[in-house]
Amino acid sequence: MLRKASRGFRDAMVPLRWMAKYEAMLPQIVEMSEAGSGIDLISRALGIGAEVVPDAIHLHQTGQRPLGWVDGRRRQRRQSGQPFEPKYR
């Protein structure tokens, strides 16, 4: 049987969404990119993967998050009007 807590309620902070690396490091990546640094130099200087830098630049330029990853590959949106063709037959 459940009973009421005698001490009252406690505040709890629960994060609802994790922040991607490219969002957290966006100001540093944009600053280095505008200074003329390349993707490899930025990734080595900040200690992040080379795939994170283009994601941050894409977010900065378009305001849209890049597509997610599925099985280690980028998810491609199917174009309407094009029939699906399997990769292997």
Protein backbone atom coordinates (compact mmCIF):
# COMPACT_ATOMS: atom_id res chain seq x y z
CA MET A 1 0.00 0.00 0.00
CA LEU A 2 1.27 3.45 -0.89
CA ARG A 3 1.61 6.18 1.69
CA LYS A 4 2.27 9.89 1.46
CA ALA A 5 5.76 11.25 1.88
CA SER A 6 6.13 13.06 5.16
CA ARG A 7 8.96 15.40 4.15
CA GLY A 8 7.47 17.03 1.07
CA PHE A 9 8.61 17.22 -2.51
CA ARG A 10 12.09 17.73 -3.88
CA ASP A 11 12.96 19.53 -7.08
CA ALA A 12 14.41 17.31 -9.74
CA MET A 13 15.97 18.41 -13.02
CA VAL A 14 15.53 15.94 -15.85
CA PRO A 15 17.09 16.73 -19.23
CA LEU A 16 14.59 15.98 -21.97
CA ARG A 17 17.00 16.18 -24.88
CA TRP A 18 20.76 15.80 -25.14
CA MET A 19 22.71 18.41 -27.02
CA ALA A 20 24.69 17.26 -30.04
CA LYS A 21 28.42 18.03 -30.20
CA TYR A 22 28.00 20.31 -33.20
CA GLU A 23 25.44 22.40 -31.30
CA ALA A 24 27.60 22.70 -28.19
CA MET A 25 30.75 23.68 -30.11
CA LEU A 26 29.01 25.76 -32.78
CA PRO A 27 30.48 29.18 -31.82
CA GLN A 28 34.06 27.87 -31.81
CA ILE A 29 33.62 25.97 -35.08
CA VAL A 30 32.03 28.95 -36.86
CA GLU A 31 34.74 31.31 -35.62
CA MET A 32 37.53 29.04 -36.89
CA SER A 33 35.71 28.41 -40.16
CA GLU A 34 35.24 32.12 -40.84
CA ALA A 35 38.94 32.64 -40.09
CA GLY A 36 39.71 30.32 -43.00
CA SER A 37 40.52 27.05 -41.22
CA GLY A 38 39.66 23.79 -42.94
CA ILE A 39 37.59 20.93 -41.59
CA ASP A 40 40.61 18.79 -40.70
CA LEU A 41 42.35 21.62 -38.85
CA ILE A 42 39.20 22.50 -36.89
CA SER A 43 38.53 18.90 -35.90
CA ARG A 44 42.15 18.37 -34.76
CA ALA A 45 42.28 21.66 -32.83
CA LEU A 46 39.01 21.01 -30.96
CA GLY A 47 39.53 17.26 -30.53
CA ILE A 48 36.32 16.24 -32.30
CA GLY A 49 35.58 14.00 -35.26
CA ALA A 50 35.81 15.31 -38.80
CA GLU A 51 32.10 14.55 -39.38
CA VAL A 52 31.03 16.96 -36.60
CA VAL A 53 32.45 20.08 -38.28
CA PRO A 54 30.34 19.94 -41.50
CA ASP A 55 27.25 19.32 -39.36
CA ALA A 56 27.92 22.51 -37.39
CA ILE A 57 28.61 24.55 -40.52
CA HIS A 58 25.40 23.22 -42.09
CA LEU A 59 23.42 24.21 -38.99
CA HIS A 60 24.97 27.69 -39.00
CA GLN A 61 24.33 28.34 -42.69
CA THR A 62 20.85 26.88 -43.07
CA GLY A 63 19.43 26.85 -39.55
CA GLN A 64 18.44 23.19 -40.01
CA ARG A 65 19.91 20.21 -38.24
CA PRO A 66 21.56 17.65 -40.51
CA LEU A 67 19.92 14.30 -41.20
CA GLY A 68 20.51 11.51 -38.69
CA TRP A 69 22.73 8.47 -39.01
CA VAL A 70 21.49 4.94 -39.71
CA ASP A 71 23.94 2.01 -39.58
CA GLY A 72 26.94 4.32 -39.91
CA ARG A 73 25.61 6.01 -43.06
CA ARG A 74 23.66 9.21 -43.54
CA ARG A 75 19.96 8.80 -43.93
CA GLN A 76 18.86 9.90 -47.40
CA ARG A 77 15.36 11.19 -47.93
CA ARG A 78 13.62 9.45 -50.80
CA GLN A 79 12.79 11.73 -53.67
CA SER A 80 9.16 11.63 -54.70
CA GLY A 81 8.60 10.20 -58.14
CA GLN A 82 11.72 8.06 -58.12
CA PRO A 83 11.11 4.32 -57.72
CA PHE A 84 13.06 2.48 -55.02
CA GLU A 85 15.95 0.45 -56.38
CA PRO A 86 17.72 -1.96 -54.03
CA LYS A 87 21.47 -1.55 -53.70
CA TYR A 88 22.16 -5.21 -54.45
CA ARG A 89 20.27 -7.60 -56.68
